[in-house]
Structures are given as C-alpha cells and as structure tokens.
Amino acid sequence: MRSSPVSVEALDAVLTAQLAVAWAGEAGDPEGDDRRLGWWRTDLHSEFGGQDLFERLLPATWRWAMLQAAREAARRMDAAARAGVHDPDRLRTLFHLGPAVDAAVDDRLLDLKRHGRPPVEALPGLRAVLTDRWSQPAFADWLARHGSPEFSAVPAGRRLRTPPAAADRLAAALLAVLLPLPDRYPLPHAQVGA
C-alpha cells in the first residue's frame, strides 16, 4: 500500500461513509421490503439482486464485492452530477475527495478485502446502517449524528458553507448535508480553490 495522506482511522471513516451512502442510495427491491432511497438504479445488496451472483462468484469476498459495486454506482452518479458544473475538479464530494485521498481510500478498501473480515467487523460504523431491514428514519438518524453544518442550496447541489480540511471531517459534514433526504441525490459538496 502506498503512503497515505490521511490516517488509517480517517480512511476507515471515509470508507464507512461512502459504503453506507452507496448502500442506502440503491433502489433496492421496489416491490419488496427492501426499497431504499433510489438515487442510483441498482439492487446489488438484496438476496435476489446482486447477493446471489456475488456469493457464487466470490465466495470469500462477496459482501465486500456487493458494497464495492454499490460504491462504484454511487461514484458514477456523483461524477455525472459534478460533470454538469463549471470546473468540476474544484468540487469535493463524498466520492471525490481529491486524487490523493481517493487513491488512499481505494487502497484501504482493497486492504480490508484481503484481510477476510466481513465489512461490519472491519468497519464497525457500518453496523448502524447495514441492517437486515431498511429504515429511512434510522438512516436519517445516523446521518444526523454527523452534525448539522450550514449549507447553501445551489444549482449544483448542496454546498457546505465552511468545509473542514481533514478528509474524515469533510466526509462527516457531507453526510450531514444529505439531510433532509431528497428524492434525488443532492450532490453534497465543498468548493476548493479560488
């Protein structure tokens, strides 16, 4: 693993935030009990969505693979939303924290997968979110525990007024800015540079 610009604890906090939002943002099973936010049209975590396929293809890492695939769907939605903004590289979002941090988070995810522990053991913060039954109020409560930073509604999405510099603190602030939960991904972001 290459040298990281942030601590392992901070990387774990960022990764927990990304995986939790990626999972919650999935559509889930629109006909069943597992309907989630529907910000991206995936159903990778349900038994008949992606779980069966991943479990057969990747018996040792299927839980990680499901979350990683949901994270990739979220990252692509985030990138598409940023693409509509002038100078999208100046935005920092939960799935785009800058090249060095993004690379470090990717490395940390691969490292955790290699060690063989299930996601909720490796990243205990996921226990509050990755439950057997989806609960939007419980997810909103989890988001609210990350603070209540001020933000402005701008055409691009929800922009933090005073973003923290540290990656883990920025990720926490971006989680909190997801509230109130809208019907579409609100692109919580911070603007960097002049």
C-alpha atoms as a PDB file:
ATOM      1  CA  MET A   1       0.000   0.000   0.000  1.00  0.00           C
ATOM      2  CA  ARG A   2       1.380   3.412  -0.925  1.00  0.00           C
ATOM      3  CA  SER A   3       1.876   6.136   1.656  1.00  0.00           C
ATOM      4  CA  SER A   4      -1.438   7.730   2.594  1.00  0.00           C
ATOM      5  CA  PRO A   5      -2.127  11.452   3.015  1.00  0.00           C
ATOM      6  CA  VAL A   6      -4.502  10.602   5.887  1.00  0.00           C
ATOM      7  CA  SER A   7      -4.500   8.203   8.838  1.00  0.00           C
ATOM      8  CA  VAL A   8      -5.959   4.698   8.684  1.00  0.00           C
ATOM      9  CA  GLU A   9      -8.691   5.798  11.108  1.00  0.00           C
ATOM     10  CA  ALA A  10      -9.629   8.688   8.814  1.00  0.00           C
ATOM     11  CA  LEU A  11      -9.614   6.389   5.776  1.00  0.00           C
ATOM     12  CA  ASP A  12     -11.920   3.984   7.622  1.00  0.00           C
ATOM     13  CA  ALA A  13     -14.279   6.847   8.478  1.00  0.00           C
ATOM     14  CA  VAL A  14     -14.384   7.983   4.837  1.00  0.00           C
ATOM     15  CA  LEU A  15     -14.867   4.440   3.580  1.00  0.00           C
ATOM     16  CA  THR A  16     -17.641   3.816   6.103  1.00  0.00           C
ATOM     17  CA  ALA A  17     -19.400   6.976   4.930  1.00  0.00           C
ATOM     18  CA  GLN A  18     -19.042   6.049   1.260  1.00  0.00           C
ATOM     19  CA  LEU A  19     -20.236   2.459   1.684  1.00  0.00           C
ATOM     20  CA  ALA A  20     -23.169   3.467   3.883  1.00  0.00           C
ATOM     21  CA  VAL A  21     -24.400   6.084   1.413  1.00  0.00           C
ATOM     22  CA  ALA A  22     -23.764   3.778  -1.551  1.00  0.00           C
ATOM     23  CA  TRP A  23     -25.875   1.063   0.079  1.00  0.00           C
ATOM     24  CA  ALA A  24     -28.644   3.413   1.201  1.00  0.00           C
ATOM     25  CA  GLY A  25     -28.730   5.152  -2.195  1.00  0.00           C
ATOM     26  CA  GLU A  26     -29.540   1.950  -4.050  1.00  0.00           C
ATOM     27  CA  ALA A  27     -33.056   1.405  -5.320  1.00  0.00           C
ATOM     28  CA  GLY A  28     -33.266  -1.927  -3.555  1.00  0.00           C
ATOM     29  CA  ASP A  29     -36.213  -4.134  -4.380  1.00  0.00           C
ATOM     30  CA  PRO A  30     -39.019  -1.760  -5.440  1.00  0.00           C
ATOM     31  CA  GLU A  31     -41.615  -4.477  -4.946  1.00  0.00           C
ATOM     32  CA  GLY A  32     -40.341  -5.816  -1.629  1.00  0.00           C
ATOM     33  CA  ASP A  33     -39.436  -4.715   1.861  1.00  0.00           C
ATOM     34  CA  ASP A  34     -36.000  -3.504   0.779  1.00  0.00           C
ATOM     35  CA  ARG A  35     -36.887  -0.271  -1.074  1.00  0.00           C
ATOM     36  CA  ARG A  36     -34.193   2.254  -0.323  1.00  0.00           C
ATOM     37  CA  LEU A  37     -33.522   5.822  -1.486  1.00  0.00           C
ATOM     38  CA  GLY A  38     -33.305   5.007  -5.205  1.00  0.00           C
ATOM     39  CA  TRP A  39     -30.613   7.563  -6.014  1.00  0.00           C
ATOM     40  CA  TRP A  40     -28.960   5.017  -8.324  1.00  0.00           C
ATOM     41  CA  ARG A  41     -30.798   2.218 -10.052  1.00  0.00           C
ATOM     42  CA  THR A  42     -29.017  -0.721  -8.503  1.00  0.00           C
ATOM     43  CA  ASP A  43     -30.078  -3.568  -6.260  1.00  0.00           C
ATOM     44  CA  LEU A  44     -26.741  -5.184  -5.520  1.00  0.00           C
ATOM     45  CA  HIS A  45     -27.279  -5.902  -1.846  1.00  0.00           C
ATOM     46  CA  SER A  46     -30.556  -7.806  -1.871  1.00  0.00           C
ATOM     47  CA  GLU A  47     -30.824 -11.563  -1.926  1.00  0.00           C
ATOM     48  CA  PHE A  48     -32.152 -11.754  -5.473  1.00  0.00           C
ATOM     49  CA  GLY A  49     -30.412  -8.627  -6.721  1.00  0.00           C
ATOM     50  CA  GLY A  50     -26.658  -8.989  -6.577  1.00  0.00           C
ATOM     51  CA  GLN A  51     -26.114 -11.103  -3.498  1.00  0.00           C
ATOM     52  CA  ASP A  52     -26.751 -14.463  -5.148  1.00  0.00           C
ATOM     53  CA  LEU A  53     -24.416 -13.705  -8.049  1.00  0.00           C
ATOM     54  CA  PHE A  54     -21.629 -12.276  -5.902  1.00  0.00           C
ATOM     55  CA  GLU A  55     -21.916 -15.107  -3.383  1.00  0.00           C
ATOM     56  CA  ARG A  56     -21.415 -17.699  -6.127  1.00  0.00           C
ATOM     57  CA  LEU A  57     -18.663 -15.808  -7.975  1.00  0.00           C
ATOM     58  CA  LEU A  58     -16.694 -14.547  -4.968  1.00  0.00           C
ATOM     59  CA  PRO A  59     -17.398 -16.836  -2.002  1.00  0.00           C
ATOM     60  CA  ALA A  60     -14.709 -15.289   0.223  1.00  0.00           C
ATOM     61  CA  THR A  61     -15.332 -11.598  -0.523  1.00  0.00           C
ATOM     62  CA  TRP A  62     -18.919 -11.387  -1.761  1.00  0.00           C
ATOM     63  CA  ARG A  63     -20.027  -8.957   0.978  1.00  0.00           C
ATOM     64  CA  TRP A  64     -17.197  -6.599   0.068  1.00  0.00           C
ATOM     65  CA  ALA A  65     -17.906  -7.021  -3.650  1.00  0.00           C
ATOM     66  CA  MET A  66     -21.560  -6.020  -3.220  1.00  0.00           C
ATOM     67  CA  LEU A  67     -20.605  -2.892  -1.310  1.00  0.00           C
ATOM     68  CA  GLN A  68     -17.781  -2.081  -3.711  1.00  0.00           C
ATOM     69  CA  ALA A  69     -20.156  -2.358  -6.679  1.00  0.00           C
ATOM     70  CA  ALA A  70     -22.733  -0.118  -4.954  1.00  0.00           C
ATOM     71  CA  ARG A  71     -19.926   2.341  -4.184  1.00  0.00           C
ATOM     72  CA  GLU A  72     -18.957   2.374  -7.849  1.00  0.00           C
ATOM     73  CA  ALA A  73     -22.570   3.094  -8.865  1.00  0.00           C
ATOM     74  CA  ALA A  74     -22.635   5.966  -6.359  1.00  0.00           C
ATOM     75  CA  ARG A  75     -19.263   7.256  -7.544  1.00  0.00           C
ATOM     76  CA  ARG A  76     -20.500   7.302 -11.145  1.00  0.00           C
ATOM     77  CA  MET A  77     -23.691   9.159 -10.206  1.00  0.00           C
ATOM     78  CA  ASP A  78     -21.597  11.639  -8.231  1.00  0.00           C
ATOM     79  CA  ALA A  79     -19.213  12.100 -11.187  1.00  0.00           C
ATOM     80  CA  ALA A  80     -22.117  12.649 -13.588  1.00  0.00           C
ATOM     81  CA  ALA A  81     -23.573  15.293 -11.282  1.00  0.00           C
ATOM     82  CA  ARG A  82     -20.180  17.020 -10.975  1.00  0.00           C
ATOM     83  CA  ALA A  83     -19.719  16.928 -14.756  1.00  0.00           C
ATOM     84  CA  GLY A  84     -22.557  19.406 -15.143  1.00  0.00           C
ATOM     85  CA  VAL A  85     -20.691  22.016 -13.096  1.00  0.00           C
ATOM     86  CA  HIS A  86     -18.168  24.523 -14.386  1.00  0.00           C
ATOM     87  CA  ASP A  87     -14.721  23.324 -13.215  1.00  0.00           C
ATOM     88  CA  PRO A  88     -15.912  20.084 -11.541  1.00  0.00           C
ATOM     89  CA  ASP A  89     -12.411  19.331 -10.227  1.00  0.00           C
ATOM     90  CA  ARG A  90     -12.854  22.162  -7.725  1.00  0.00           C
ATOM     91  CA  LEU A  91     -15.689  20.296  -6.023  1.00  0.00           C
ATOM     92  CA  ARG A  92     -15.034  17.896  -3.180  1.00  0.00           C
ATOM     93  CA  THR A  93     -17.777  15.364  -2.622  1.00  0.00           C
ATOM     94  CA  LEU A  94     -18.120  12.204  -0.603  1.00  0.00           C
ATOM     95  CA  PHE A  95     -16.977  10.210  -3.647  1.00  0.00           C
ATOM     96  CA  HIS A  96     -14.428  12.741  -4.919  1.00  0.00           C
ATOM     97  CA  LEU A  97     -12.197  13.975  -2.100  1.00  0.00           C
ATOM     98  CA  GLY A  98      -9.220  14.699  -4.330  1.00  0.00           C
ATOM     99  CA  PRO A  99      -6.852  12.351  -6.174  1.00  0.00           C
ATOM    100  CA  ALA A 100      -4.530  11.530  -3.265  1.00  0.00           C
ATOM    101  CA  VAL A 101      -7.323  10.826  -0.776  1.00  0.00           C
ATOM    102  CA  ASP A 102      -9.392   8.896  -3.333  1.00  0.00           C
ATOM    103  CA  ALA A 103      -6.401   6.669  -4.147  1.00  0.00           C
ATOM    104  CA  ALA A 104      -5.733   6.083  -0.449  1.00  0.00           C
ATOM    105  CA  VAL A 105      -9.388   5.143   0.175  1.00  0.00           C
ATOM    106  CA  ASP A 106      -9.291   2.712  -2.778  1.00  0.00           C
ATOM    107  CA  ASP A 107      -6.109   1.135  -1.380  1.00  0.00           C
ATOM    108  CA  ARG A 108      -7.687   0.835   2.058  1.00  0.00           C
ATOM    109  CA  LEU A 109     -10.742  -0.908   0.613  1.00  0.00           C
ATOM    110  CA  LEU A 110      -8.537  -3.451  -1.165  1.00  0.00           C
ATOM    111  CA  ASP A 111      -6.509  -3.965   2.010  1.00  0.00           C
ATOM    112  CA  LEU A 112      -9.642  -4.632   4.063  1.00  0.00           C
ATOM    113  CA  LYS A 113     -10.956  -7.091   1.457  1.00  0.00           C
ATOM    114  CA  ARG A 114      -7.668  -9.032   1.557  1.00  0.00           C
ATOM    115  CA  HIS A 115      -7.832  -9.487   5.322  1.00  0.00           C
ATOM    116  CA  GLY A 116     -11.043 -11.505   5.063  1.00  0.00           C
ATOM    117  CA  ARG A 117     -13.097  -9.917   7.828  1.00  0.00           C
ATOM    118  CA  PRO A 118     -16.708  -9.059   6.938  1.00  0.00           C
ATOM    119  CA  PRO A 119     -17.370  -5.362   6.295  1.00  0.00           C
ATOM    120  CA  VAL A 120     -19.288  -4.757   9.533  1.00  0.00           C
ATOM    121  CA  GLU A 121     -16.390  -6.195  11.547  1.00  0.00           C
ATOM    122  CA  ALA A 122     -13.685  -4.333   9.645  1.00  0.00           C
ATOM    123  CA  LEU A 123     -15.680  -1.080   9.669  1.00  0.00           C
ATOM    124  CA  PRO A 124     -17.881  -1.210  12.799  1.00  0.00           C
ATOM    125  CA  GLY A 125     -19.578   2.071  11.886  1.00  0.00           C
ATOM    126  CA  LEU A 126     -21.446   0.178   9.166  1.00  0.00           C
ATOM    127  CA  ARG A 127     -23.408  -1.815  11.756  1.00  0.00           C
ATOM    128  CA  ALA A 128     -25.765   1.096  12.349  1.00  0.00           C
ATOM    129  CA  VAL A 129     -26.627   1.306   8.640  1.00  0.00           C
ATOM    130  CA  LEU A 130     -26.303  -2.121   7.032  1.00  0.00           C
ATOM    131  CA  THR A 131     -29.272  -3.743   8.686  1.00  0.00           C
ATOM    132  CA  ASP A 132     -31.495  -6.559   7.513  1.00  0.00           C
ATOM    133  CA  ARG A 133     -34.434  -4.194   7.154  1.00  0.00           C
ATOM    134  CA  TRP A 134     -34.105  -0.777   5.554  1.00  0.00           C
ATOM    135  CA  SER A 135     -35.338   2.088   7.677  1.00  0.00           C
ATOM    136  CA  GLN A 136     -35.193   5.574   6.233  1.00  0.00           C
ATOM    137  CA  PRO A 137     -35.767   7.176   9.668  1.00  0.00           C
ATOM    138  CA  ALA A 138     -32.888   5.121  11.142  1.00  0.00           C
ATOM    139  CA  PHE A 139     -30.620   6.152   8.265  1.00  0.00           C
ATOM    140  CA  ALA A 140     -31.621   9.803   8.746  1.00  0.00           C
ATOM    141  CA  ASP A 141     -30.836   9.497  12.471  1.00  0.00           C
ATOM    142  CA  TRP A 142     -27.401   8.074  11.606  1.00  0.00           C
ATOM    143  CA  LEU A 143     -26.766  10.999   9.248  1.00  0.00           C
ATOM    144  CA  ALA A 144     -27.877  13.487  11.900  1.00  0.00           C
ATOM    145  CA  ARG A 145     -25.244  12.148  14.304  1.00  0.00           C
ATOM    146  CA  HIS A 146     -22.613  13.594  11.952  1.00  0.00           C
ATOM    147  CA  GLY A 147     -23.516  17.168  12.847  1.00  0.00           C
ATOM    148  CA  SER A 148     -25.562  19.916  11.255  1.00  0.00           C
ATOM    149  CA  PRO A 149     -23.240  22.059   9.162  1.00  0.00           C
ATOM    150  CA  GLU A 150     -24.616  25.020   7.276  1.00  0.00           C
ATOM    151  CA  PHE A 151     -25.058  24.623   3.557  1.00  0.00           C
ATOM    152  CA  SER A 152     -26.449  26.554   0.642  1.00  0.00           C
ATOM    153  CA  ALA A 153     -28.737  25.105  -1.993  1.00  0.00           C
ATOM    154  CA  VAL A 154     -27.036  25.972  -5.289  1.00  0.00           C
ATOM    155  CA  PRO A 155     -27.761  24.733  -8.822  1.00  0.00           C
ATOM    156  CA  ALA A 156     -25.060  22.056  -8.486  1.00  0.00           C
ATOM    157  CA  GLY A 157     -26.471  20.680  -5.227  1.00  0.00           C
ATOM    158  CA  ARG A 158     -25.889  21.350  -1.541  1.00  0.00           C
ATOM    159  CA  ARG A 159     -22.679  23.294  -0.912  1.00  0.00           C
ATOM    160  CA  LEU A 160     -21.074  23.364   2.527  1.00  0.00           C
ATOM    161  CA  ARG A 161     -20.530  26.923   3.684  1.00  0.00           C
ATOM    162  CA  THR A 162     -17.493  26.176   5.864  1.00  0.00           C
ATOM    163  CA  PRO A 163     -15.936  22.848   4.877  1.00  0.00           C
ATOM    164  CA  PRO A 164     -13.428  21.213   7.218  1.00  0.00           C
ATOM    165  CA  ALA A 165      -9.986  20.473   5.764  1.00  0.00           C
ATOM    166  CA  ALA A 166      -9.492  16.937   7.133  1.00  0.00           C
ATOM    167  CA  ALA A 167     -10.895  14.222   4.843  1.00  0.00           C
ATOM    168  CA  ASP A 168     -12.769  12.347   7.583  1.00  0.00           C
ATOM    169  CA  ARG A 169     -14.326  15.534   8.976  1.00  0.00           C
ATOM    170  CA  LEU A 170     -15.280  16.654   5.492  1.00  0.00           C
ATOM    171  CA  ALA A 171     -16.894  13.257   4.842  1.00  0.00           C
ATOM    172  CA  ALA A 172     -18.883  13.584   8.084  1.00  0.00           C
ATOM    173  CA  ALA A 173     -20.044  17.072   7.129  1.00  0.00           C
ATOM    174  CA  LEU A 174     -21.056  15.859   3.674  1.00  0.00           C
ATOM    175  CA  LEU A 175     -23.083  13.066   5.282  1.00  0.00           C
ATOM    176  CA  ALA A 176     -24.924  15.567   7.461  1.00  0.00           C
ATOM    177  CA  VAL A 177     -25.690  17.767   4.442  1.00  0.00           C
ATOM    178  CA  LEU A 178     -27.683  14.887   2.924  1.00  0.00           C
ATOM    179  CA  LEU A 179     -30.470  15.839   5.340  1.00  0.00           C
ATOM    180  CA  PRO A 180     -33.267  16.317   4.696  1.00  0.00           C
ATOM    181  CA  LEU A 181     -33.234  13.279   2.433  1.00  0.00           C
ATOM    182  CA  PRO A 182     -34.465  14.241  -1.047  1.00  0.00           C
ATOM    183  CA  ASP A 183     -35.864  12.085  -3.844  1.00  0.00           C
ATOM    184  CA  ARG A 184     -32.703  12.603  -5.937  1.00  0.00           C
ATOM    185  CA  TYR A 185     -29.029  12.576  -4.979  1.00  0.00           C
ATOM    186  CA  PRO A 186     -28.383  16.167  -3.803  1.00  0.00           C
ATOM    187  CA  LEU A 187     -24.627  16.281  -4.582  1.00  0.00           C
ATOM    188  CA  PRO A 188     -23.390  17.498  -1.212  1.00  0.00           C
ATOM    189  CA  HIS A 189     -20.090  19.247  -1.897  1.00  0.00           C
ATOM    190  CA  ALA A 190     -17.465  21.734  -0.892  1.00  0.00           C
ATOM    191  CA  GLN A 191     -15.707  24.071  -3.268  1.00  0.00           C
ATOM    192  CA  VAL A 192     -11.922  24.318  -3.140  1.00  0.00           C
ATOM    193  CA  GLY A 193      -9.533  26.815  -4.685  1.00  0.00           C
ATOM    194  CA  ALA A 194     -10.255  30.293  -5.923  1.00  0.00           C
END
